[in-house]
Amino acid sequence: MSRTLRPIVLATLAALLALLLSGCSQADRQQSLVCVAIATAIGPDNRPVTIRSVEPLGGIENAVRVIFTAAGDPRTLFADCAFAGGALSVGRTEILAVRGYEGPMPGWRLALLDRWFLDQPGAVMTAVGETGWQPPSFALLPVALPAAVGYALQQTVNALNLAAFYVPLALAYALIYGLIGRINMAFGEMAMIGSFGAVFGLVTAIGSHVPSLAGILAMALAVAVSLTALAGWLATRTIVLPLIERPPRSFIVATVGLGLVISEGLRIAQGSREIWLQPMLESQIVLTGGPFPVVITAMRTLVVVTSALAVLGLMLCIRRSSFGRAWRAVADDRMMARLCGIDPGAVTALTFILAASIAALAGTIVALSYGGTSYSGGFLLGLKALIACLIGGGTLGGAVIGGLLLAALETGWSAYFGSGERDIFVLIVMTILFLLRPDGLIGRRAALEEGRLIRLS
């Protein structure tokens, strides 16, 4: 890593660590909302309630204390709420006990409160809205922007979240296409292996009582990458290497079949229902103020920065490592690389494992960003990432540009025109770009040298 990039990377990692540590000392956001709603329900004579503070209840795990006052009552009141689980468990919002300024709430009353108030759709948020209380957020830039500028900047932030998984998956396509000139149609499904692996890693980490949220997320990513890398290795041995010298259509058909096998395998193993996770790192970071404040959550910050660091690391690996030199040699001339002592088969296998790992990162980001996964989500995700890769020209740099462009087009259209015709608009724009630039934005072209075709960047 160059001296210029090292301070930037270290500062980014330090900021992420501070963000994670700061979130540990605050009350859970979902539990805070529920306890504030309970405070409005137990207040004297249903008077309007003003929230003074919301904080973890010392000495009790998964408990929140709300300090509040009621209109016309000089007393400072409180509500203590104990929950069945922590931030990542099923019982996160399941209330176990309530203690107010009048003492512990009887079990029968707690059951009625839960059944006829907390379980009603929208009741909690309505009660919280009546108090005017907002969950705490981290202010970053105290700048007031015009509403139109703030809205546009917010859409840019939203586009970065989309690009956080489009770009890595497009790079996975570009790694294989740039090396052997073939398109692996199963990378979307491989990303879903990573997505399910992340969910499995989260559940395992929670069941093992991993003490920190950073450790839980690290374990989720490790399981996702391990499972997908194994799937990539198996695919290389059974499909890629045997078909690498065959016509391209054989490779495409085989990888389409591989994608179907993975998708159906996930459906049989995990069921056809979507799997949902408890929201994590929901603390809001206010970037700018004004009529339309620009806001990003801690989770979105984490996934964007993680994706950016992974993309940067991959680029540096291809540029400066011995594997990267071997990859470029095989991509330029497979036979000459063999004559120079490089094993093209080994490079292809390592490349496929690396591409599968990058796809696993994309799948993990999808699971963490949207809070769930499904066996059927890989096809459309993979197709869009493939379009991003091809529109960039099939190169690594082009894949990054294509992923960013695709995310910007989707977010921009949805923000200003709705999401109804979004995919139609994106495909039309991509078609026009292909007509204007058949080789992609920064693609490769064929050149004739010494009687043979070579590819020039």
Protein backbone atom coordinates (compact mmCIF):
# COMPACT_ATOMS: atom_id res chain seq x y z
CA MET A 1 0.00 0.00 0.00
CA SER A 2 1.39 3.39 -0.94
CA ARG A 3 2.31 6.01 1.65
CA THR A 4 -0.42 8.28 0.32
CA LEU A 5 -3.19 5.73 0.78
CA ARG A 6 -2.08 4.31 4.13
CA PRO A 7 -3.13 7.33 6.29
CA ILE A 8 -6.52 7.47 4.54
CA VAL A 9 -7.20 3.79 5.17
CA LEU A 10 -6.06 3.99 8.81
CA ALA A 11 -8.19 7.08 9.45
CA THR A 12 -11.23 5.38 7.91
CA LEU A 13 -10.76 2.27 10.04
CA ALA A 14 -10.34 4.41 13.16
CA ALA A 15 -13.57 6.27 12.37
CA LEU A 16 -15.44 3.00 11.90
CA LEU A 17 -14.10 1.65 15.18
CA ALA A 18 -15.14 4.81 17.00
CA LEU A 19 -18.58 4.56 15.42
CA LEU A 20 -19.03 0.97 16.56
CA LEU A 21 -17.77 1.71 20.08
CA SER A 22 -19.97 4.77 20.41
CA GLY A 23 -23.02 2.70 19.49
CA CYS A 24 -22.26 0.23 22.31
CA SER A 25 -22.83 2.81 25.06
CA GLN A 26 -26.27 3.87 23.89
CA ALA A 27 -29.67 2.28 24.43
CA ASP A 28 -30.88 0.07 21.60
CA ARG A 29 -32.90 2.12 19.13
CA GLN A 30 -35.84 -0.28 18.75
CA GLN A 31 -36.05 -0.91 22.49
CA SER A 32 -35.89 2.82 23.14
CA LEU A 33 -38.84 3.43 20.84
CA VAL A 34 -40.92 0.76 22.58
CA CYS A 35 -40.08 2.07 26.06
CA VAL A 36 -40.93 5.66 25.06
CA ALA A 37 -44.29 4.42 23.81
CA ILE A 38 -44.84 2.62 27.13
CA ALA A 39 -44.01 5.83 28.99
CA THR A 40 -46.85 7.57 27.16
CA ALA A 41 -49.20 4.75 28.16
CA ILE A 42 -48.40 4.81 31.89
CA GLY A 43 -48.23 8.58 32.24
CA PRO A 44 -50.73 10.18 34.65
CA ASP A 45 -54.23 10.64 33.24
CA ASN A 46 -52.99 10.32 29.63
CA ARG A 47 -51.44 13.78 29.78
CA PRO A 48 -48.97 14.86 27.07
CA VAL A 49 -45.52 13.49 27.83
CA THR A 50 -42.15 15.15 27.34
CA ILE A 51 -39.12 12.84 27.15
CA ARG A 52 -36.08 14.02 29.11
CA SER A 53 -33.66 11.17 28.50
CA VAL A 54 -33.46 7.57 27.26
CA GLU A 55 -30.53 5.46 28.44
CA PRO A 56 -29.56 1.86 29.26
CA LEU A 57 -30.68 0.73 32.70
CA GLY A 58 -27.55 0.05 34.72
CA GLY A 59 -27.04 -3.45 36.10
CA ILE A 60 -29.75 -5.11 33.97
CA GLU A 61 -29.10 -6.60 30.55
CA ASN A 62 -31.37 -5.55 27.67
CA ALA A 63 -33.18 -2.90 29.73
CA VAL A 64 -33.93 0.77 29.05
CA ARG A 65 -34.89 3.63 31.36
CA VAL A 66 -36.98 6.56 30.08
CA ILE A 67 -37.07 9.75 32.15
CA PHE A 68 -40.09 11.93 31.32
CA THR A 69 -42.49 14.55 32.61
CA ALA A 70 -46.22 14.98 32.11
CA ALA A 71 -48.04 18.23 31.45
CA GLY A 72 -49.28 19.83 34.67
CA ASP A 73 -47.36 17.38 36.88
CA PRO A 74 -44.28 18.78 38.67
CA ARG A 75 -42.74 15.33 39.24
CA THR A 76 -39.95 13.75 37.23
CA LEU A 77 -41.25 10.34 36.20
CA PHE A 78 -39.60 7.24 34.80
CA ALA A 79 -40.35 3.97 33.01
CA ASP A 80 -38.00 0.97 33.14
CA CYS A 81 -38.46 -1.64 30.39
CA ALA A 82 -36.79 -5.08 30.33
CA PHE A 83 -36.67 -7.01 27.04
CA ALA A 84 -36.22 -10.67 26.16
CA GLY A 85 -33.17 -10.22 23.94
CA GLY A 86 -30.44 -7.97 22.66
CA ALA A 87 -29.91 -6.09 19.44
CA LEU A 88 -29.56 -9.18 17.21
CA SER A 89 -31.92 -11.66 18.90
CA VAL A 90 -35.53 -12.51 18.20
CA GLY A 91 -36.71 -11.13 21.53
CA ARG A 92 -35.30 -7.69 20.90
CA THR A 93 -38.68 -5.94 21.17
CA GLU A 94 -40.45 -8.54 23.33
CA ILE A 95 -41.24 -6.80 26.61
CA LEU A 96 -40.68 -8.89 29.77
CA ALA A 97 -41.29 -6.42 32.58
CA VAL A 98 -42.15 -2.77 33.14
CA ARG A 99 -41.49 -0.74 36.28
CA GLY A 100 -42.85 2.76 36.52
CA TYR A 101 -42.97 5.52 39.08
CA GLU A 102 -45.87 3.69 40.75
CA GLY A 103 -43.99 0.39 41.00
CA PRO A 104 -43.77 -2.82 38.92
CA MET A 105 -46.55 -3.37 36.40
CA PRO A 106 -48.69 -6.46 37.15
CA GLY A 107 -48.47 -9.32 34.70
CA TRP A 108 -52.11 -9.08 33.60
CA ARG A 109 -51.74 -5.38 32.84
CA LEU A 110 -48.50 -5.98 30.95
CA ALA A 111 -50.25 -8.62 28.84
CA LEU A 112 -53.07 -6.20 28.02
CA LEU A 113 -50.56 -3.46 27.18
CA ASP A 114 -48.69 -5.80 24.87
CA ARG A 115 -51.79 -7.20 23.17
CA TRP A 116 -53.86 -4.06 22.69
CA PHE A 117 -51.17 -1.41 22.33
CA LEU A 118 -47.65 -2.59 21.41
CA ASP A 119 -48.83 -5.25 18.93
CA GLN A 120 -51.09 -2.87 17.03
CA PRO A 121 -49.62 -1.79 13.65
CA GLY A 122 -48.09 1.68 13.85
CA ALA A 123 -49.08 2.23 17.50
CA VAL A 124 -45.53 2.55 18.81
CA MET A 125 -44.40 5.07 16.21
CA THR A 126 -47.61 7.08 16.63
CA ALA A 127 -47.08 7.31 20.39
CA VAL A 128 -43.43 8.25 19.94
CA GLY A 129 -44.39 10.91 17.40
CA GLU A 130 -46.78 12.52 19.89
CA THR A 131 -43.88 13.08 22.32
CA GLY A 132 -41.69 14.71 19.68
CA TRP A 133 -38.77 12.52 20.77
CA GLN A 134 -36.22 11.43 18.19
CA PRO A 135 -33.58 8.70 18.60
CA PRO A 136 -30.11 10.20 19.06
CA SER A 137 -28.07 10.88 15.94
CA PHE A 138 -24.46 11.90 15.30
CA ALA A 139 -24.08 15.36 13.76
CA LEU A 140 -21.14 15.56 11.38
CA LEU A 141 -21.35 18.80 9.40
CA PRO A 142 -23.47 21.64 10.83
CA VAL A 143 -24.18 23.02 7.35
CA ALA A 144 -27.64 24.10 6.17
CA LEU A 145 -28.18 23.36 2.47
CA PRO A 146 -31.14 24.36 0.29
CA ALA A 147 -33.84 21.70 0.09
CA ALA A 148 -33.12 20.79 -3.56
CA VAL A 149 -29.40 20.45 -2.91
CA GLY A 150 -29.98 18.43 0.26
CA TYR A 151 -32.36 16.10 -1.57
CA ALA A 152 -29.88 15.56 -4.40
CA LEU A 153 -27.07 14.91 -1.92
CA GLN A 154 -29.26 12.41 -0.05
CA GLN A 155 -29.84 10.52 -3.31
CA THR A 156 -26.09 10.46 -3.87
CA VAL A 157 -25.66 8.86 -0.46
CA ASN A 158 -28.38 6.34 -1.34
CA ALA A 159 -26.63 5.57 -4.63
CA LEU A 160 -23.41 4.78 -2.78
CA ASN A 161 -25.28 2.14 -0.80
CA LEU A 162 -26.40 0.48 -4.04
CA ALA A 163 -22.94 0.76 -5.51
CA ALA A 164 -21.53 -0.94 -2.40
CA PHE A 165 -22.78 -4.30 -3.72
CA TYR A 166 -23.02 -3.60 -7.46
CA VAL A 167 -19.33 -2.69 -7.77
CA PRO A 168 -17.86 -5.77 -6.00
CA LEU A 169 -20.13 -8.11 -7.95
CA ALA A 170 -19.26 -6.38 -11.23
CA LEU A 171 -15.58 -6.80 -10.32
CA ALA A 172 -16.17 -10.53 -9.81
CA TYR A 173 -17.46 -10.74 -13.39
CA ALA A 174 -14.56 -8.62 -14.65
CA LEU A 175 -11.93 -10.81 -12.96
CA ILE A 176 -13.09 -13.87 -14.89
CA TYR A 177 -13.98 -12.10 -18.13
CA GLY A 178 -10.68 -10.23 -18.20
CA LEU A 179 -8.74 -13.45 -17.63
CA ILE A 180 -10.39 -16.02 -19.91
CA GLY A 181 -12.90 -13.98 -21.92
CA ARG A 182 -15.84 -15.93 -20.51
CA ILE A 183 -18.94 -14.81 -18.62
CA ASN A 184 -19.89 -16.75 -15.51
CA MET A 185 -23.66 -16.49 -15.23
CA ALA A 186 -23.72 -17.93 -11.70
CA PHE A 187 -22.11 -15.08 -9.78
CA GLY A 188 -25.47 -13.69 -8.67
CA GLU A 189 -26.35 -17.03 -7.08
CA MET A 190 -22.88 -17.22 -5.54
CA ALA A 191 -23.57 -13.84 -3.95
CA MET A 192 -26.68 -15.43 -2.41
CA ILE A 193 -24.49 -18.18 -0.94
CA GLY A 194 -22.55 -15.36 0.71
CA SER A 195 -25.78 -13.73 1.84
CA PHE A 196 -27.06 -16.93 3.48
CA GLY A 197 -23.58 -17.52 4.89
CA ALA A 198 -23.67 -14.08 6.51
CA VAL A 199 -27.03 -14.87 8.11
CA PHE A 200 -25.70 -18.22 9.33
CA GLY A 201 -22.60 -16.53 10.71
CA LEU A 202 -24.70 -13.95 12.56
CA VAL A 203 -26.90 -16.63 14.12
CA THR A 204 -23.86 -18.69 15.09
CA ALA A 205 -22.08 -15.71 16.61
CA ILE A 206 -25.15 -14.74 18.61
CA GLY A 207 -25.61 -18.31 19.81
CA SER A 208 -21.93 -18.42 20.81
CA HIS A 209 -22.37 -15.19 22.80
CA VAL A 210 -19.71 -13.25 20.92
CA PRO A 211 -19.35 -10.15 23.12
CA SER A 212 -19.00 -7.37 20.55
CA LEU A 213 -20.98 -6.31 17.51
CA ALA A 214 -17.74 -5.93 15.55
CA GLY A 215 -16.89 -9.57 16.29
CA ILE A 216 -20.37 -10.70 15.21
CA LEU A 217 -20.12 -8.85 11.89
CA ALA A 218 -16.58 -10.14 11.32
CA MET A 219 -17.74 -13.71 11.88
CA ALA A 220 -20.65 -13.21 9.48
CA LEU A 221 -18.30 -11.99 6.76
CA ALA A 222 -15.82 -14.81 7.43
CA VAL A 223 -18.49 -17.51 7.12
CA ALA A 224 -19.90 -15.90 3.96
CA VAL A 225 -16.50 -15.69 2.26
CA SER A 226 -15.50 -19.21 3.32
CA LEU A 227 -18.65 -20.87 1.98
CA THR A 228 -18.61 -18.94 -1.29
CA ALA A 229 -14.88 -19.48 -1.85
CA LEU A 230 -15.44 -23.21 -1.40
CA ALA A 231 -18.27 -23.08 -3.94
CA GLY A 232 -15.97 -21.17 -6.30
CA TRP A 233 -13.24 -23.77 -5.94
CA LEU A 234 -15.68 -26.61 -6.66
CA ALA A 235 -17.05 -24.76 -9.69
CA THR A 236 -13.54 -24.22 -11.00
CA ARG A 237 -12.66 -27.91 -10.78
CA THR A 238 -15.91 -29.21 -12.22
CA ILE A 239 -16.91 -26.57 -14.79
CA VAL A 240 -14.40 -23.80 -15.45
CA LEU A 241 -11.18 -25.72 -16.16
CA PRO A 242 -12.82 -28.50 -18.22
CA LEU A 243 -14.64 -25.97 -20.41
CA ILE A 244 -12.03 -23.24 -20.62
CA GLU A 245 -10.90 -24.26 -24.11
CA ARG A 246 -14.40 -25.01 -25.35
CA PRO A 247 -16.61 -22.55 -27.29
CA PRO A 248 -18.02 -19.69 -25.16
CA ARG A 249 -21.61 -20.90 -25.48
CA SER A 250 -20.73 -24.15 -23.66
CA PHE A 251 -19.31 -22.15 -20.76
CA ILE A 252 -22.35 -19.87 -20.60
CA VAL A 253 -24.83 -22.78 -20.67
CA ALA A 254 -22.88 -24.64 -18.00
CA THR A 255 -22.75 -21.63 -15.67
CA VAL A 256 -26.46 -20.96 -16.20
CA GLY A 257 -27.04 -24.53 -15.07
CA LEU A 258 -24.72 -23.96 -12.11
CA GLY A 259 -26.76 -20.92 -11.11
CA LEU A 260 -29.98 -22.95 -11.22
CA VAL A 261 -28.40 -25.71 -9.12
CA ILE A 262 -27.26 -23.17 -6.50
CA SER A 263 -30.61 -21.41 -6.43
CA GLU A 264 -32.62 -24.61 -6.08
CA GLY A 265 -30.14 -25.96 -3.55
CA LEU A 266 -30.62 -22.88 -1.39
CA ARG A 267 -34.39 -23.18 -1.73
CA ILE A 268 -34.38 -26.84 -0.66
CA ALA A 269 -31.91 -26.28 2.17
CA GLN A 270 -33.29 -23.02 3.58
CA GLY A 271 -36.89 -22.90 2.32
CA SER A 272 -38.62 -20.55 -0.07
CA ARG A 273 -39.44 -17.84 2.47
CA GLU A 274 -37.35 -14.74 2.80
CA ILE A 275 -35.11 -14.68 5.88
CA TRP A 276 -35.15 -11.42 7.83
CA LEU A 277 -32.67 -10.07 10.35
CA GLN A 278 -33.13 -7.69 13.24
CA PRO A 279 -32.08 -4.14 12.26
CA MET A 280 -28.51 -3.31 13.29
CA LEU A 281 -26.52 -0.08 13.64
CA GLU A 282 -29.55 2.12 13.00
CA SER A 283 -28.02 5.19 14.64
CA GLN A 284 -28.31 8.09 12.24
CA ILE A 285 -25.41 10.27 11.17
CA VAL A 286 -26.62 13.71 10.10
CA LEU A 287 -24.28 14.87 7.35
CA THR A 288 -25.86 18.29 6.75
CA GLY A 289 -28.78 20.26 8.15
CA GLY A 290 -31.26 22.55 6.46
CA PRO A 291 -34.81 22.04 5.15
CA PHE A 292 -33.85 18.56 3.89
CA PRO A 293 -31.14 17.11 6.16
CA VAL A 294 -28.82 14.53 4.62
CA VAL A 295 -28.79 11.40 6.77
CA ILE A 296 -26.97 8.08 6.61
CA THR A 297 -27.19 5.23 9.10
CA ALA A 298 -24.20 3.67 10.79
CA MET A 299 -24.81 0.39 8.93
CA ARG A 300 -24.81 2.08 5.53
CA THR A 301 -21.61 3.89 6.45
CA LEU A 302 -20.06 0.58 7.44
CA VAL A 303 -21.02 -1.25 4.24
CA VAL A 304 -19.96 1.61 1.94
CA VAL A 305 -16.57 1.96 3.59
CA THR A 306 -16.04 -1.82 3.72
CA SER A 307 -16.91 -2.15 0.04
CA ALA A 308 -14.61 0.73 -0.89
CA LEU A 309 -11.71 -0.77 1.07
CA ALA A 310 -12.29 -4.18 -0.54
CA VAL A 311 -12.32 -2.66 -4.03
CA LEU A 312 -9.17 -0.66 -3.27
CA GLY A 313 -7.46 -3.77 -1.89
CA LEU A 314 -8.36 -5.78 -4.98
CA MET A 315 -7.02 -3.09 -7.29
CA LEU A 316 -3.75 -2.90 -5.36
CA CYS A 317 -3.50 -6.71 -5.39
CA ILE A 318 -3.85 -6.86 -9.18
CA ARG A 319 -1.42 -3.99 -9.67
CA ARG A 320 1.36 -4.83 -7.23
CA SER A 321 1.25 -8.43 -6.01
CA SER A 322 2.87 -11.46 -7.62
CA PHE A 323 -0.58 -12.94 -8.17
CA GLY A 324 -1.65 -9.73 -9.90
CA ARG A 325 1.34 -9.91 -12.25
CA ALA A 326 0.51 -13.54 -13.04
CA TRP A 327 -3.15 -12.60 -13.63
CA ARG A 328 -2.18 -9.85 -16.06
CA ALA A 329 0.27 -12.13 -17.85
CA VAL A 330 -2.34 -14.88 -18.37
CA ALA A 331 -4.95 -12.31 -19.39
CA ASP A 332 -2.60 -10.84 -22.02
CA ASP A 333 -1.28 -14.10 -23.50
CA ARG A 334 -2.12 -17.45 -21.92
CA MET A 335 0.42 -19.46 -23.97
CA MET A 336 3.28 -17.02 -23.44
CA ALA A 337 2.54 -16.99 -19.71
CA ARG A 338 2.87 -20.78 -19.68
CA LEU A 339 6.19 -20.57 -21.52
CA CYS A 340 7.39 -18.11 -18.88
CA GLY A 341 6.69 -20.62 -16.09
CA ILE A 342 3.22 -19.44 -15.01
CA ASP A 343 0.56 -22.10 -14.55
CA PRO A 344 -2.59 -20.69 -16.22
CA GLY A 345 -4.78 -23.34 -14.59
CA ALA A 346 -3.62 -22.41 -11.10
CA VAL A 347 -4.07 -18.69 -11.84
CA THR A 348 -7.58 -19.37 -13.17
CA ALA A 349 -8.50 -21.38 -10.08
CA LEU A 350 -7.19 -18.70 -7.71
CA THR A 351 -8.96 -16.01 -9.72
CA PHE A 352 -12.26 -17.85 -9.51
CA ILE A 353 -11.88 -18.28 -5.74
CA LEU A 354 -11.03 -14.58 -5.40
CA ALA A 355 -14.01 -13.59 -7.58
CA ALA A 356 -16.31 -15.82 -5.52
CA SER A 357 -15.02 -14.15 -2.33
CA ILE A 358 -15.76 -10.72 -3.78
CA ALA A 359 -19.25 -11.95 -4.71
CA ALA A 360 -19.64 -13.15 -1.11
CA LEU A 361 -18.87 -9.63 0.10
CA ALA A 362 -21.61 -8.30 -2.18
CA GLY A 363 -24.07 -10.87 -0.82
CA THR A 364 -23.14 -10.01 2.76
CA ILE A 365 -23.72 -6.33 2.07
CA VAL A 366 -27.15 -7.11 0.60
CA ALA A 367 -28.11 -9.09 3.72
CA LEU A 368 -26.88 -6.41 6.12
CA SER A 369 -28.20 -3.42 4.15
CA TYR A 370 -31.69 -4.75 3.53
CA GLY A 371 -31.95 -6.93 6.63
CA GLY A 372 -32.62 -10.23 4.88
CA THR A 373 -32.03 -12.57 1.99
CA SER A 374 -33.82 -14.97 -0.32
CA TYR A 375 -32.83 -17.84 -2.58
CA SER A 376 -34.38 -16.07 -5.59
CA GLY A 377 -32.57 -12.75 -5.31
CA GLY A 378 -29.40 -13.78 -7.12
CA PHE A 379 -30.57 -13.77 -10.73
CA LEU A 380 -31.62 -10.12 -11.02
CA LEU A 381 -28.73 -8.93 -8.87
CA GLY A 382 -26.24 -10.88 -10.97
CA LEU A 383 -27.79 -9.70 -14.23
CA LYS A 384 -27.53 -6.04 -13.23
CA ALA A 385 -23.93 -6.48 -12.08
CA LEU A 386 -23.10 -8.21 -15.37
CA ILE A 387 -24.58 -5.27 -17.28
CA ALA A 388 -22.47 -2.92 -15.15
CA CYS A 389 -19.37 -4.96 -15.94
CA LEU A 390 -20.01 -5.05 -19.69
CA ILE A 391 -20.97 -1.38 -19.91
CA GLY A 392 -17.61 -0.62 -18.32
CA GLY A 393 -15.86 -2.68 -20.97
CA GLY A 394 -15.09 -5.84 -19.03
CA THR A 395 -12.03 -4.34 -17.34
CA LEU A 396 -11.59 -3.91 -13.60
CA GLY A 397 -11.68 -0.12 -13.78
CA GLY A 398 -14.64 -0.30 -16.13
CA ALA A 399 -16.52 -2.54 -13.69
CA VAL A 400 -16.14 0.09 -10.97
CA ILE A 401 -17.39 2.82 -13.30
CA GLY A 402 -20.25 0.63 -14.54
CA GLY A 403 -21.37 -0.24 -11.01
CA LEU A 404 -21.35 3.41 -9.96
CA LEU A 405 -23.23 4.42 -13.12
CA LEU A 406 -25.87 1.73 -12.64
CA ALA A 407 -26.42 2.72 -9.00
CA ALA A 408 -26.67 6.40 -9.96
CA LEU A 409 -29.22 5.71 -12.72
CA GLU A 410 -31.42 3.52 -10.51
CA THR A 411 -31.35 5.91 -7.57
CA GLY A 412 -31.83 9.04 -9.65
CA TRP A 413 -34.82 7.70 -11.55
CA SER A 414 -36.47 6.34 -8.39
CA ALA A 415 -35.92 9.63 -6.55
CA TYR A 416 -37.42 11.92 -9.15
CA PHE A 417 -39.81 9.73 -11.18
CA GLY A 418 -40.70 6.77 -8.94
CA SER A 419 -39.59 3.15 -9.11
CA GLY A 420 -42.32 1.89 -11.46
CA GLU A 421 -40.40 2.22 -14.73
CA ARG A 422 -36.91 2.28 -13.22
CA ASP A 423 -35.61 -0.94 -14.75
CA ILE A 424 -37.00 -0.03 -18.17
CA PHE A 425 -35.23 3.32 -18.07
CA VAL A 426 -31.95 1.76 -16.93
CA LEU A 427 -32.01 -0.87 -19.68
CA ILE A 428 -32.79 1.77 -22.32
CA VAL A 429 -29.84 3.89 -21.17
CA MET A 430 -27.56 0.85 -21.14
CA THR A 431 -28.68 -0.11 -24.65
CA ILE A 432 -27.92 3.38 -25.93
CA LEU A 433 -24.48 3.25 -24.32
CA PHE A 434 -23.78 -0.09 -25.99
CA LEU A 435 -24.81 1.37 -29.36
CA LEU A 436 -22.53 4.37 -28.89
CA ARG A 437 -19.68 2.43 -27.27
CA PRO A 438 -19.85 -1.25 -28.33
CA ASP A 439 -16.61 -2.04 -26.45
CA GLY A 440 -17.82 -0.35 -23.26
CA LEU A 441 -16.85 2.93 -21.69
CA ILE A 442 -13.19 1.94 -21.23
CA GLY A 443 -13.26 -1.44 -22.94
CA ARG A 444 -10.73 -3.52 -24.77
CA ARG A 445 -10.45 -3.72 -28.52
CA ALA A 446 -8.90 -6.33 -30.75
CA ALA A 447 -5.70 -5.53 -32.63
CA LEU A 448 -3.78 -7.55 -35.20
CA GLU A 449 -0.16 -8.14 -34.33
CA GLU A 450 2.12 -10.74 -35.93
CA GLY A 451 -0.84 -12.55 -37.45
CA ARG A 452 -2.79 -13.15 -34.20
CA LEU A 453 -5.46 -11.35 -32.24
CA ILE A 454 -4.48 -9.72 -28.97
CA ARG A 455 -6.46 -7.50 -26.65
CA LEU A 456 -5.27 -4.01 -25.90
CA SER A 457 -6.49 -1.99 -22.93
